[in-house]
Amino acid sequence: MPGLYLGVILVSAGGVSALDARWRLAAWRSPARTAVAVAVGTLFFLAWDAVGIAAGVFVKGASPLLLGVDLAPQLPIEEPLFLAFLCYAALVAWSGAARLLDARASADAAPAPVDEKAG
């Protein structure tokens, strides 16, 4: 079923984007910074892939789930989209974890309620 892998990536990215939109974690909070972070991460991992492909470590293999379109030898069109999704999902997860830790630290630092009946 050609294109299934790409479809799964896009549906998953939609789910992560929905979480991002709901909680304003990354792209919905700072679109330019998110775009730069995802682009830099994607380019880094594409360079990593290029080194792995040149060394013969990374091979595409034959899968009926891929579209069959290659950007370069051993580099299917789905790879940069997967890498961008990976970077975006990691950024959303990091931002969510940071927000939870900040909320917990704020709750721990809050003064204890005063019991007016004690005394």
PDB file of N, CA and C in Angstrom:
ATOM      1  N   MET A   1       0.831  -1.181   0.000  1.00  0.00           N
ATOM      2  CA  MET A   1       0.000   0.000   0.000  1.00  0.00           C
ATOM      3  C   MET A   1       0.880   1.250   0.000  1.00  0.00           C
ATOM      4  N   PRO A   2       1.291   1.677  -1.172  1.00  0.00           N
ATOM      5  CA  PRO A   2       2.187   2.835  -1.274  1.00  0.00           C
ATOM      6  C   PRO A   2       1.591   4.092  -0.639  1.00  0.00           C
ATOM      7  N   GLY A   3       2.435   4.800   0.100  1.00  0.00           N
ATOM      8  CA  GLY A   3       2.024   6.056   0.713  1.00  0.00           C
ATOM      9  C   GLY A   3       1.510   5.914   2.138  1.00  0.00           C
ATOM     10  N   LEU A   4       1.378   4.686   2.626  1.00  0.00           N
ATOM     11  CA  LEU A   4       0.859   4.495   3.983  1.00  0.00           C
ATOM     12  C   LEU A   4       1.795   5.111   5.030  1.00  0.00           C
ATOM     13  N   TYR A   5       3.093   4.915   4.843  1.00  0.00           N
ATOM     14  CA  TYR A   5       4.067   5.468   5.785  1.00  0.00           C
ATOM     15  C   TYR A   5       3.959   6.994   5.837  1.00  0.00           C
ATOM     16  N   LEU A   6       3.873   7.620   4.680  1.00  0.00           N
ATOM     17  CA  LEU A   6       3.712   9.070   4.618  1.00  0.00           C
ATOM     18  C   LEU A   6       2.411   9.495   5.291  1.00  0.00           C
ATOM     19  N   GLY A   7       1.352   8.761   5.066  1.00  0.00           N
ATOM     20  CA  GLY A   7       0.066   9.069   5.699  1.00  0.00           C
ATOM     21  C   GLY A   7       0.141   8.999   7.213  1.00  0.00           C
ATOM     22  N   VAL A   8       0.826   7.989   7.717  1.00  0.00           N
ATOM     23  CA  VAL A   8       0.972   7.847   9.170  1.00  0.00           C
ATOM     24  C   VAL A   8       1.780   9.010   9.747  1.00  0.00           C
ATOM     25  N   ILE A   9       2.815   9.421   9.040  1.00  0.00           N
ATOM     26  CA  ILE A   9       3.609  10.570   9.496  1.00  0.00           C
ATOM     27  C   ILE A   9       2.732  11.822   9.562  1.00  0.00           C
ATOM     28  N   LEU A  10       1.949  12.051   8.521  1.00  0.00           N
ATOM     29  CA  LEU A  10       1.110  13.256   8.474  1.00  0.00           C
ATOM     30  C   LEU A  10       0.018  13.236   9.534  1.00  0.00           C
ATOM     31  N   VAL A  11      -0.609  12.077   9.750  1.00  0.00           N
ATOM     32  CA  VAL A  11      -1.647  11.969  10.794  1.00  0.00           C
ATOM     33  C   VAL A  11      -1.023  12.185  12.173  1.00  0.00           C
ATOM     34  N   SER A  12       0.142  11.607  12.385  1.00  0.00           N
ATOM     35  CA  SER A  12       0.834  11.783  13.667  1.00  0.00           C
ATOM     36  C   SER A  12       1.226  13.244  13.882  1.00  0.00           C
ATOM     37  N   ALA A  13       1.702  13.887  12.832  1.00  0.00           N
ATOM     38  CA  ALA A  13       2.050  15.311  12.934  1.00  0.00           C
ATOM     39  C   ALA A  13       0.807  16.139  13.245  1.00  0.00           C
ATOM     40  N   GLY A  14      -0.329  15.758  12.689  1.00  0.00           N
ATOM     41  CA  GLY A  14      -1.577  16.448  13.003  1.00  0.00           C
ATOM     42  C   GLY A  14      -1.943  16.305  14.473  1.00  0.00           C
ATOM     43  N   GLY A  15      -1.722  15.120  15.033  1.00  0.00           N
ATOM     44  CA  GLY A  15      -1.999  14.908  16.459  1.00  0.00           C
ATOM     45  C   GLY A  15      -1.086  15.736  17.346  1.00  0.00           C
ATOM     46  N   VAL A  16       0.194  15.772  17.013  1.00  0.00           N
ATOM     47  CA  VAL A  16       1.141  16.577  17.791  1.00  0.00           C
ATOM     48  C   VAL A  16       0.798  18.060  17.655  1.00  0.00           C
ATOM     49  N   SER A  17       0.410  18.463  16.456  1.00  0.00           N
ATOM     50  CA  SER A  17       0.023  19.860  16.236  1.00  0.00           C
ATOM     51  C   SER A  17      -1.228  20.222  17.034  1.00  0.00           C
ATOM     52  N   ALA A  18      -2.160  19.283  17.152  1.00  0.00           N
ATOM     53  CA  ALA A  18      -3.361  19.534  17.957  1.00  0.00           C
ATOM     54  C   ALA A  18      -3.000  19.737  19.426  1.00  0.00           C
ATOM     55  N   LEU A  19      -2.085  18.916  19.934  1.00  0.00           N
ATOM     56  CA  LEU A  19      -1.617  19.107  21.317  1.00  0.00           C
ATOM     57  C   LEU A  19      -0.913  20.448  21.474  1.00  0.00           C
ATOM     58  N   ASP A  20      -0.103  20.776  20.478  1.00  0.00           N
ATOM     59  CA  ASP A  20       0.608  22.054  20.499  1.00  0.00           C
ATOM     60  C   ASP A  20      -0.383  23.211  20.492  1.00  0.00           C
ATOM     61  N   ALA A  21      -1.404  23.129  19.655  1.00  0.00           N
ATOM     62  CA  ALA A  21      -2.401  24.206  19.577  1.00  0.00           C
ATOM     63  C   ALA A  21      -3.169  24.328  20.888  1.00  0.00           C
ATOM     64  N   ARG A  22      -3.526  23.210  21.475  1.00  0.00           N
ATOM     65  CA  ARG A  22      -4.319  23.231  22.714  1.00  0.00           C
ATOM     66  C   ARG A  22      -3.552  23.858  23.873  1.00  0.00           C
ATOM     67  N   TRP A  23      -2.284  23.503  24.001  1.00  0.00           N
ATOM     68  CA  TRP A  23      -1.498  23.951  25.150  1.00  0.00           C
ATOM     69  C   TRP A  23      -0.507  25.061  24.807  1.00  0.00           C
ATOM     70  N   ARG A  24      -0.468  25.504  23.531  1.00  0.00           N
ATOM     71  CA  ARG A  24       0.437  26.568  23.093  1.00  0.00           C
ATOM     72  C   ARG A  24       1.874  26.294  23.546  1.00  0.00           C
ATOM     73  N   LEU A  25       2.410  25.167  23.084  1.00  0.00           N
ATOM     74  CA  LEU A  25       3.720  24.719  23.547  1.00  0.00           C
ATOM     75  C   LEU A  25       4.877  25.151  22.662  1.00  0.00           C
ATOM     76  N   ALA A  26       4.691  25.155  21.353  1.00  0.00           N
ATOM     77  CA  ALA A  26       5.820  25.447  20.464  1.00  0.00           C
ATOM     78  C   ALA A  26       5.369  26.360  19.321  1.00  0.00           C
ATOM     79  N   ALA A  27       4.897  25.775  18.242  1.00  0.00           N
ATOM     80  CA  ALA A  27       4.553  26.559  17.053  1.00  0.00           C
ATOM     81  C   ALA A  27       3.415  27.531  17.319  1.00  0.00           C
ATOM     82  N   TRP A  28       2.516  27.186  18.176  1.00  0.00           N
ATOM     83  CA  TRP A  28       1.388  28.081  18.475  1.00  0.00           C
ATOM     84  C   TRP A  28       1.781  29.154  19.476  1.00  0.00           C
ATOM     85  N   ARG A  29       2.951  28.999  20.070  1.00  0.00           N
ATOM     86  CA  ARG A  29       3.453  29.998  21.015  1.00  0.00           C
ATOM     87  C   ARG A  29       4.480  30.911  20.346  1.00  0.00           C
ATOM     88  N   SER A  30       5.374  30.302  19.580  1.00  0.00           N
ATOM     89  CA  SER A  30       6.429  31.062  18.908  1.00  0.00           C
ATOM     90  C   SER A  30       6.722  30.405  17.554  1.00  0.00           C
ATOM     91  N   PRO A  31       5.935  30.752  16.532  1.00  0.00           N
ATOM     92  CA  PRO A  31       6.063  30.065  15.245  1.00  0.00           C
ATOM     93  C   PRO A  31       7.437  30.204  14.584  1.00  0.00           C
ATOM     94  N   ALA A  32       8.035  31.376  14.651  1.00  0.00           N
ATOM     95  CA  ALA A  32       9.326  31.577  13.984  1.00  0.00           C
ATOM     96  C   ALA A  32      10.422  30.745  14.646  1.00  0.00           C
ATOM     97  N   ARG A  33      10.489  30.785  15.970  1.00  0.00           N
ATOM     98  CA  ARG A  33      11.515  29.999  16.676  1.00  0.00           C
ATOM     99  C   ARG A  33      11.313  28.515  16.459  1.00  0.00           C
ATOM    100  N   THR A  34      10.056  28.080  16.442  1.00  0.00           N
ATOM    101  CA  THR A  34       9.776  26.664  16.203  1.00  0.00           C
ATOM    102  C   THR A  34      10.204  26.262  14.806  1.00  0.00           C
ATOM    103  N   ALA A  35       9.896  27.085  13.817  1.00  0.00           N
ATOM    104  CA  ALA A  35      10.286  26.779  12.436  1.00  0.00           C
ATOM    105  C   ALA A  35      11.803  26.683  12.299  1.00  0.00           C
ATOM    106  N   VAL A  36      12.521  27.602  12.931  1.00  0.00           N
ATOM    107  CA  VAL A  36      13.984  27.575  12.866  1.00  0.00           C
ATOM    108  C   VAL A  36      14.518  26.316  13.554  1.00  0.00           C
ATOM    109  N   ALA A  37      14.001  26.001  14.729  1.00  0.00           N
ATOM    110  CA  ALA A  37      14.468  24.825  15.463  1.00  0.00           C
ATOM    111  C   ALA A  37      14.203  23.540  14.680  1.00  0.00           C
ATOM    112  N   VAL A  38      13.019  23.425  14.098  1.00  0.00           N
ATOM    113  CA  VAL A  38      12.683  22.227  13.322  1.00  0.00           C
ATOM    114  C   VAL A  38      13.551  22.158  12.064  1.00  0.00           C
ATOM    115  N   ALA A  39      13.758  23.284  11.392  1.00  0.00           N
ATOM    116  CA  ALA A  39      14.582  23.294  10.182  1.00  0.00           C
ATOM    117  C   ALA A  39      16.032  22.917  10.489  1.00  0.00           C
ATOM    118  N   VAL A  40      16.596  23.485  11.548  1.00  0.00           N
ATOM    119  CA  VAL A  40      17.982  23.177  11.912  1.00  0.00           C
ATOM    120  C   VAL A  40      18.108  21.706  12.291  1.00  0.00           C
ATOM    121  N   GLY A  41      17.181  21.210  13.089  1.00  0.00           N
ATOM    122  CA  GLY A  41      17.211  19.801  13.473  1.00  0.00           C
ATOM    123  C   GLY A  41      17.064  18.870  12.278  1.00  0.00           C
ATOM    124  N   THR A  42      16.155  19.212  11.377  1.00  0.00           N
ATOM    125  CA  THR A  42      15.944  18.394  10.186  1.00  0.00           C
ATOM    126  C   THR A  42      17.191  18.378   9.315  1.00  0.00           C
ATOM    127  N   LEU A  43      17.805  19.539   9.102  1.00  0.00           N
ATOM    128  CA  LEU A  43      19.034  19.604   8.299  1.00  0.00           C
ATOM    129  C   LEU A  43      20.173  18.819   8.956  1.00  0.00           C
ATOM    130  N   PHE A  44      20.261  18.902  10.264  1.00  0.00           N
ATOM    131  CA  PHE A  44      21.285  18.122  10.982  1.00  0.00           C
ATOM    132  C   PHE A  44      21.088  16.634  10.737  1.00  0.00           C
ATOM    133  N   PHE A  45      19.859  16.161  10.900  1.00  0.00           N
ATOM    134  CA  PHE A  45      19.612  14.725  10.724  1.00  0.00           C
ATOM    135  C   PHE A  45      19.704  14.298   9.263  1.00  0.00           C
ATOM    136  N   LEU A  46      19.405  15.191   8.316  1.00  0.00           N
ATOM    137  CA  LEU A  46      19.618  14.863   6.905  1.00  0.00           C
ATOM    138  C   LEU A  46      21.113  14.718   6.605  1.00  0.00           C
ATOM    139  N   ALA A  47      21.934  15.583   7.205  1.00  0.00           N
ATOM    140  CA  ALA A  47      23.385  15.445   7.051  1.00  0.00           C
ATOM    141  C   ALA A  47      23.859  14.128   7.666  1.00  0.00           C
ATOM    142  N   TRP A  48      23.302  13.796   8.817  1.00  0.00           N
ATOM    143  CA  TRP A  48      23.617  12.525   9.482  1.00  0.00           C
ATOM    144  C   TRP A  48      23.242  11.367   8.559  1.00  0.00           C
ATOM    145  N   ASP A  49      22.067  11.439   7.955  1.00  0.00           N
ATOM    146  CA  ASP A  49      21.638  10.406   7.003  1.00  0.00           C
ATOM    147  C   ASP A  49      22.599  10.314   5.821  1.00  0.00           C
ATOM    148  N   ALA A  50      23.023  11.461   5.303  1.00  0.00           N
ATOM    149  CA  ALA A  50      23.935  11.468   4.157  1.00  0.00           C
ATOM    150  C   ALA A  50      25.240  10.753   4.499  1.00  0.00           C
ATOM    151  N   VAL A  51      25.754  10.997   5.686  1.00  0.00           N
ATOM    152  CA  VAL A  51      26.981  10.319   6.119  1.00  0.00           C
ATOM    153  C   VAL A  51      26.728   8.818   6.250  1.00  0.00           C
ATOM    154  N   GLY A  52      25.598   8.466   6.848  1.00  0.00           N
ATOM    155  CA  GLY A  52      25.270   7.046   6.996  1.00  0.00           C
ATOM    156  C   GLY A  52      25.051   6.349   5.664  1.00  0.00           C
ATOM    157  N   ILE A  53      24.427   7.031   4.728  1.00  0.00           N
ATOM    158  CA  ILE A  53      24.204   6.465   3.393  1.00  0.00           C
ATOM    159  C   ILE A  53      25.540   6.293   2.675  1.00  0.00           C
ATOM    160  N   ALA A  54      26.406   7.312   2.744  1.00  0.00           N
ATOM    161  CA  ALA A  54      27.716   7.241   2.096  1.00  0.00           C
ATOM    162  C   ALA A  54      28.565   6.122   2.686  1.00  0.00           C
ATOM    163  N   ALA A  55      28.424   5.865   3.990  1.00  0.00           N
ATOM    164  CA  ALA A  55      29.184   4.811   4.646  1.00  0.00           C
ATOM    165  C   ALA A  55      28.567   3.432   4.425  1.00  0.00           C
ATOM    166  N   GLY A  56      27.385   3.412   3.830  1.00  0.00           N
ATOM    167  CA  GLY A  56      26.726   2.134   3.586  1.00  0.00           C
ATOM    168  C   GLY A  56      25.983   1.580   4.793  1.00  0.00           C
ATOM    169  N   VAL A  57      25.850   2.393   5.831  1.00  0.00           N
ATOM    170  CA  VAL A  57      25.166   1.970   7.053  1.00  0.00           C
ATOM    171  C   VAL A  57      23.654   2.064   6.875  1.00  0.00           C
ATOM    172  N   PHE A  58      23.174   3.125   6.236  1.00  0.00           N
ATOM    173  CA  PHE A  58      21.737   3.334   6.031  1.00  0.00           C
ATOM    174  C   PHE A  58      21.368   2.898   4.622  1.00  0.00           C
ATOM    175  N   VAL A  59      20.423   1.998   4.539  1.00  0.00           N
ATOM    176  CA  VAL A  59      19.888   1.575   3.246  1.00  0.00           C
ATOM    177  C   VAL A  59      18.374   1.631   3.310  1.00  0.00           C
ATOM    178  N   LYS A  60      17.777   2.018   2.215  1.00  0.00           N
ATOM    179  CA  LYS A  60      16.324   2.202   2.177  1.00  0.00           C
ATOM    180  C   LYS A  60      15.586   0.882   2.321  1.00  0.00           C
ATOM    181  N   GLY A  61      16.016  -0.135   1.636  1.00  0.00           N
ATOM    182  CA  GLY A  61      15.298  -1.399   1.652  1.00  0.00           C
ATOM    183  C   GLY A  61      14.059  -1.315   0.772  1.00  0.00           C
ATOM    184  N   ALA A  62      13.422  -2.423   0.600  1.00  0.00           N
ATOM    185  CA  ALA A  62      12.219  -2.471  -0.243  1.00  0.00           C
ATOM    186  C   ALA A  62      11.003  -2.560   0.659  1.00  0.00           C
ATOM    187  N   SER A  63      10.161  -1.544   0.603  1.00  0.00           N
ATOM    188  CA  SER A  63       8.953  -1.546   1.404  1.00  0.00           C
ATOM    189  C   SER A  63       7.777  -1.117   0.534  1.00  0.00           C
ATOM    190  N   PRO A  64       6.695  -1.847   0.593  1.00  0.00           N
ATOM    191  CA  PRO A  64       5.519  -1.439  -0.167  1.00  0.00           C
ATOM    192  C   PRO A  64       4.802  -0.240   0.453  1.00  0.00           C
ATOM    193  N   LEU A  65       5.237   0.201   1.620  1.00  0.00           N
ATOM    194  CA  LEU A  65       4.593   1.314   2.313  1.00  0.00           C
ATOM    195  C   LEU A  65       5.114   2.677   1.856  1.00  0.00           C
ATOM    196  N   LEU A  66       6.262   2.690   1.172  1.00  0.00           N
ATOM    197  CA  LEU A  66       6.845   3.937   0.682  1.00  0.00           C
ATOM    198  C   LEU A  66       6.235   4.309  -0.664  1.00  0.00           C
ATOM    199  N   LEU A  67       6.271   5.598  -0.982  1.00  0.00           N
ATOM    200  CA  LEU A  67       5.752   6.053  -2.267  1.00  0.00           C
ATOM    201  C   LEU A  67       6.603   5.572  -3.441  1.00  0.00           C
ATOM    202  N   GLY A  68       7.893   5.383  -3.194  1.00  0.00           N
ATOM    203  CA  GLY A  68       8.790   4.966  -4.265  1.00  0.00           C
ATOM    204  C   GLY A  68       9.510   6.124  -4.918  1.00  0.00           C
ATOM    205  N   VAL A  69       9.392   7.314  -4.358  1.00  0.00           N
ATOM    206  CA  VAL A  69      10.072   8.501  -4.874  1.00  0.00           C
ATOM    207  C   VAL A  69      11.302   8.748  -3.995  1.00  0.00           C
ATOM    208  N   ASP A  70      12.454   8.811  -4.635  1.00  0.00           N
ATOM    209  CA  ASP A  70      13.698   9.047  -3.905  1.00  0.00           C
ATOM    210  C   ASP A  70      14.222  10.444  -4.205  1.00  0.00           C
ATOM    211  N   LEU A  71      14.669  11.142  -3.159  1.00  0.00           N
ATOM    212  CA  LEU A  71      15.299  12.449  -3.327  1.00  0.00           C
ATOM    213  C   LEU A  71      16.761  12.290  -3.723  1.00  0.00           C
ATOM    214  N   ALA A  72      17.355  11.201  -3.292  1.00  0.00           N
ATOM    215  CA  ALA A  72      18.743  10.842  -3.599  1.00  0.00           C
ATOM    216  C   ALA A  72      18.815   9.324  -3.438  1.00  0.00           C
ATOM    217  N   PRO A  73      19.895   8.703  -3.870  1.00  0.00           N
ATOM    218  CA  PRO A  73      20.002   7.261  -3.659  1.00  0.00           C
ATOM    219  C   PRO A  73      19.869   6.910  -2.169  1.00  0.00           C
ATOM    220  N   GLN A  74      19.009   5.982  -1.868  1.00  0.00           N
ATOM    221  CA  GLN A  74      18.748   5.491  -0.503  1.00  0.00           C
ATOM    222  C   GLN A  74      18.050   6.512   0.394  1.00  0.00           C
ATOM    223  N   LEU A  75      17.514   7.583  -0.181  1.00  0.00           N
ATOM    224  CA  LEU A  75      16.834   8.624   0.608  1.00  0.00           C
ATOM    225  C   LEU A  75      15.418   8.830   0.063  1.00  0.00           C
ATOM    226  N   PRO A  76      14.445   8.122   0.646  1.00  0.00           N
ATOM    227  CA  PRO A  76      13.072   8.283   0.162  1.00  0.00           C
ATOM    228  C   PRO A  76      12.502   9.644   0.544  1.00  0.00           C
ATOM    229  N   ILE A  77      11.502  10.072  -0.174  1.00  0.00           N
ATOM    230  CA  ILE A  77      10.888  11.389   0.064  1.00  0.00           C
ATOM    231  C   ILE A  77      10.293  11.485   1.471  1.00  0.00           C
ATOM    232  N   GLU A  78       9.950  10.361   2.056  1.00  0.00           N
ATOM    233  CA  GLU A  78       9.359  10.368   3.398  1.00  0.00           C
ATOM    234  C   GLU A  78      10.371  10.733   4.493  1.00  0.00           C
ATOM    235  N   GLU A  79      11.657  10.517   4.221  1.00  0.00           N
ATOM    236  CA  GLU A  79      12.673  10.713   5.262  1.00  0.00           C
ATOM    237  C   GLU A  79      12.741  12.141   5.793  1.00  0.00           C
ATOM    238  N   PRO A  80      12.836  13.187   4.957  1.00  0.00           N
ATOM    239  CA  PRO A  80      12.879  14.537   5.522  1.00  0.00           C
ATOM    240  C   PRO A  80      11.596  14.895   6.263  1.00  0.00           C
ATOM    241  N   LEU A  81      10.467  14.383   5.806  1.00  0.00           N
ATOM    242  CA  LEU A  81       9.211  14.652   6.505  1.00  0.00           C
ATOM    243  C   LEU A  81       9.191  13.962   7.868  1.00  0.00           C
ATOM    244  N   PHE A  82       9.707  12.731   7.913  1.00  0.00           N
ATOM    245  CA  PHE A  82       9.800  12.043   9.193  1.00  0.00           C
ATOM    246  C   PHE A  82      10.739  12.783  10.135  1.00  0.00           C
ATOM    247  N   LEU A  83      11.872  13.242   9.614  1.00  0.00           N
ATOM    248  CA  LEU A  83      12.833  13.960  10.461  1.00  0.00           C
ATOM    249  C   LEU A  83      12.254  15.265  10.988  1.00  0.00           C
ATOM    250  N   ALA A  84      11.520  15.980  10.145  1.00  0.00           N
ATOM    251  CA  ALA A  84      10.862  17.210  10.601  1.00  0.00           C
ATOM    252  C   ALA A  84       9.826  16.884  11.671  1.00  0.00           C
ATOM    253  N   PHE A  85       9.055  15.814  11.459  1.00  0.00           N
ATOM    254  CA  PHE A  85       8.080  15.388  12.471  1.00  0.00           C
ATOM    255  C   PHE A  85       8.788  15.033  13.774  1.00  0.00           C
ATOM    256  N   LEU A  86       9.883  14.308  13.675  1.00  0.00           N
ATOM    257  CA  LEU A  86      10.639  13.910  14.867  1.00  0.00           C
ATOM    258  C   LEU A  86      11.103  15.133  15.652  1.00  0.00           C
ATOM    259  N   CYS A  87      11.640  16.121  14.945  1.00  0.00           N
ATOM    260  CA  CYS A  87      12.109  17.346  15.611  1.00  0.00           C
ATOM    261  C   CYS A  87      10.946  18.110  16.245  1.00  0.00           C
ATOM    262  N   TYR A  88       9.839  18.210  15.529  1.00  0.00           N
ATOM    263  CA  TYR A  88       8.672  18.928  16.046  1.00  0.00           C
ATOM    264  C   TYR A  88       8.087  18.220  17.268  1.00  0.00           C
ATOM    265  N   ALA A  89       7.955  16.902  17.188  1.00  0.00           N
ATOM    266  CA  ALA A  89       7.414  16.140  18.315  1.00  0.00           C
ATOM    267  C   ALA A  89       8.321  16.263  19.542  1.00  0.00           C
ATOM    268  N   ALA A  90       9.625  16.221  19.326  1.00  0.00           N
ATOM    269  CA  ALA A  90      10.563  16.376  20.435  1.00  0.00           C
ATOM    270  C   ALA A  90      10.457  17.765  21.060  1.00  0.00           C
ATOM    271  N   LEU A  91      10.306  18.783  20.224  1.00  0.00           N
ATOM    272  CA  LEU A  91      10.169  20.157  20.722  1.00  0.00           C
ATOM    273  C   LEU A  91       8.890  20.330  21.525  1.00  0.00           C
ATOM    274  N   VAL A  92       7.797  19.764  21.045  1.00  0.00           N
ATOM    275  CA  VAL A  92       6.524  19.846  21.773  1.00  0.00           C
ATOM    276  C   VAL A  92       6.623  19.082  23.095  1.00  0.00           C
ATOM    277  N   ALA A  93       7.241  17.898  23.068  1.00  0.00           N
ATOM    278  CA  ALA A  93       7.397  17.119  24.304  1.00  0.00           C
ATOM    279  C   ALA A  93       8.276  17.856  25.303  1.00  0.00           C
ATOM    280  N   TRP A  94       9.366  18.436  24.833  1.00  0.00           N
ATOM    281  CA  TRP A  94      10.273  19.207  25.707  1.00  0.00           C
ATOM    282  C   TRP A  94       9.541  20.401  26.318  1.00  0.00           C
ATOM    283  N   SER A  95       8.817  21.128  25.493  1.00  0.00           N
ATOM    284  CA  SER A  95       8.089  22.303  25.983  1.00  0.00           C
ATOM    285  C   SER A  95       7.013  21.909  26.984  1.00  0.00           C
ATOM    286  N   GLY A  96       6.336  20.802  26.725  1.00  0.00           N
ATOM    287  CA  GLY A  96       5.322  20.317  27.663  1.00  0.00           C
ATOM    288  C   GLY A  96       5.924  19.902  28.989  1.00  0.00           C
ATOM    289  N   ALA A  97       7.040  19.193  28.931  1.00  0.00           N
ATOM    290  CA  ALA A  97       7.712  18.777  30.165  1.00  0.00           C
ATOM    291  C   ALA A  97       8.211  19.991  30.941  1.00  0.00           C
ATOM    292  N   ALA A  98       8.756  20.971  30.249  1.00  0.00           N
ATOM    293  CA  ALA A  98       9.233  22.184  30.921  1.00  0.00           C
ATOM    294  C   ALA A  98       8.079  22.921  31.595  1.00  0.00           C
ATOM    295  N   ARG A  99       6.948  22.982  30.912  1.00  0.00           N
ATOM    296  CA  ARG A  99       5.790  23.655  31.506  1.00  0.00           C
ATOM    297  C   ARG A  99       5.306  22.912  32.745  1.00  0.00           C
ATOM    298  N   LEU A 100       5.265  21.581  32.695  1.00  0.00           N
ATOM    299  CA  LEU A 100       4.856  20.807  33.870  1.00  0.00           C
ATOM    300  C   LEU A 100       5.814  21.010  35.036  1.00  0.00           C
ATOM    301  N   LEU A 101       7.105  21.011  34.746  1.00  0.00           N
ATOM    302  CA  LEU A 101       8.087  21.224  35.819  1.00  0.00           C
ATOM    303  C   LEU A 101       7.984  22.627  36.401  1.00  0.00           C
ATOM    304  N   ASP A 102       7.747  23.627  35.551  1.00  0.00           N
ATOM    305  CA  ASP A 102       7.571  25.000  36.039  1.00  0.00           C
ATOM    306  C   ASP A 102       6.330  25.111  36.924  1.00  0.00           C
ATOM    307  N   ALA A 103       5.251  24.460  36.507  1.00  0.00           N
ATOM    308  CA  ALA A 103       4.018  24.499  37.293  1.00  0.00           C
ATOM    309  C   ALA A 103       4.225  23.816  38.635  1.00  0.00           C
ATOM    310  N   ARG A 104       4.943  22.718  38.616  1.00  0.00           N
ATOM    311  CA  ARG A 104       5.199  22.000  39.873  1.00  0.00           C
ATOM    312  C   ARG A 104       6.088  22.825  40.797  1.00  0.00           C
ATOM    313  N   ALA A 105       7.104  23.478  40.230  1.00  0.00           N
ATOM    314  CA  ALA A 105       7.993  24.315  41.041  1.00  0.00           C
ATOM    315  C   ALA A 105       7.227  25.500  41.620  1.00  0.00           C
ATOM    316  N   SER A 106       6.322  26.082  40.848  1.00  0.00           N
ATOM    317  CA  SER A 106       5.517  27.203  41.341  1.00  0.00           C
ATOM    318  C   SER A 106       4.599  26.750  42.466  1.00  0.00           C
ATOM    319  N   ALA A 107       4.023  25.562  42.323  1.00  0.00           N
ATOM    320  CA  ALA A 107       3.135  25.045  43.365  1.00  0.00           C
ATOM    321  C   ALA A 107       3.915  24.742  44.641  1.00  0.00           C
ATOM    322  N   ASP A 108       5.138  24.236  44.496  1.00  0.00           N
ATOM    323  CA  ASP A 108       5.961  23.926  45.662  1.00  0.00           C
ATOM    324  C   ASP A 108       6.440  25.194  46.368  1.00  0.00           C
ATOM    325  N   ALA A 109       6.614  26.267  45.594  1.00  0.00           N
ATOM    326  CA  ALA A 109       7.128  27.517  46.164  1.00  0.00           C
ATOM    327  C   ALA A 109       6.024  28.391  46.754  1.00  0.00           C
ATOM    328  N   ALA A 110       4.775  28.062  46.483  1.00  0.00           N
ATOM    329  CA  ALA A 110       3.661  28.867  46.989  1.00  0.00           C
ATOM    330  C   ALA A 110       3.609  28.763  48.516  1.00  0.00           C
ATOM    331  N   PRO A 111       3.278  29.861  49.168  1.00  0.00           N
ATOM    332  CA  PRO A 111       3.188  29.810  50.634  1.00  0.00           C
ATOM    333  C   PRO A 111       2.015  28.922  51.062  1.00  0.00           C
ATOM    334  N   ALA A 112       2.193  28.311  52.209  1.00  0.00           N
ATOM    335  CA  ALA A 112       1.152  27.443  52.740  1.00  0.00           C
ATOM    336  C   ALA A 112      -0.047  28.282  53.162  1.00  0.00           C
ATOM    337  N   PRO A 113      -1.258  27.763  52.965  1.00  0.00           N
ATOM    338  CA  PRO A 113      -2.433  28.519  53.382  1.00  0.00           C
ATOM    339  C   PRO A 113      -2.446  28.720  54.895  1.00  0.00           C
ATOM    340  N   VAL A 114      -2.950  29.855  55.304  1.00  0.00           N
ATOM    341  CA  VAL A 114      -3.008  30.181  56.722  1.00  0.00           C
ATOM    342  C   VAL A 114      -4.293  29.625  57.307  1.00  0.00           C
ATOM    343  N   ASP A 115      -4.176  28.902  58.403  1.00  0.00           N
ATOM    344  CA  ASP A 115      -5.347  28.352  59.077  1.00  0.00           C
ATOM    345  C   ASP A 115      -5.750  29.347  60.156  1.00  0.00           C
ATOM    346  N   GLU A 116      -6.817  30.099  59.912  1.00  0.00           N
ATOM    347  CA  GLU A 116      -7.237  31.151  60.820  1.00  0.00           C
ATOM    348  C   GLU A 116      -7.837  30.603  62.129  1.00  0.00           C
ATOM    349  N   LYS A 117      -8.274  29.338  62.123  1.00  0.00           N
ATOM    350  CA  LYS A 117      -8.871  28.747  63.313  1.00  0.00           C
ATOM    351  C   LYS A 117      -7.805  28.309  64.332  1.00  0.00           C
ATOM    352  N   ALA A 118      -6.614  28.071  63.832  1.00  0.00           N
ATOM    353  CA  ALA A 118      -5.527  27.635  64.726  1.00  0.00           C
ATOM    354  C   ALA A 118      -5.028  28.847  65.509  1.00  0.00           C
ATOM    355  N   GLY A 119      -4.596  28.608  66.650  1.00  0.00           N
ATOM    356  CA  GLY A 119      -4.004  29.756  67.285  1.00  0.00           C
ATOM    357  C   GLY A 119      -4.098  29.805  68.695  1.00  0.00           C
TER     358      GLY A 119
END
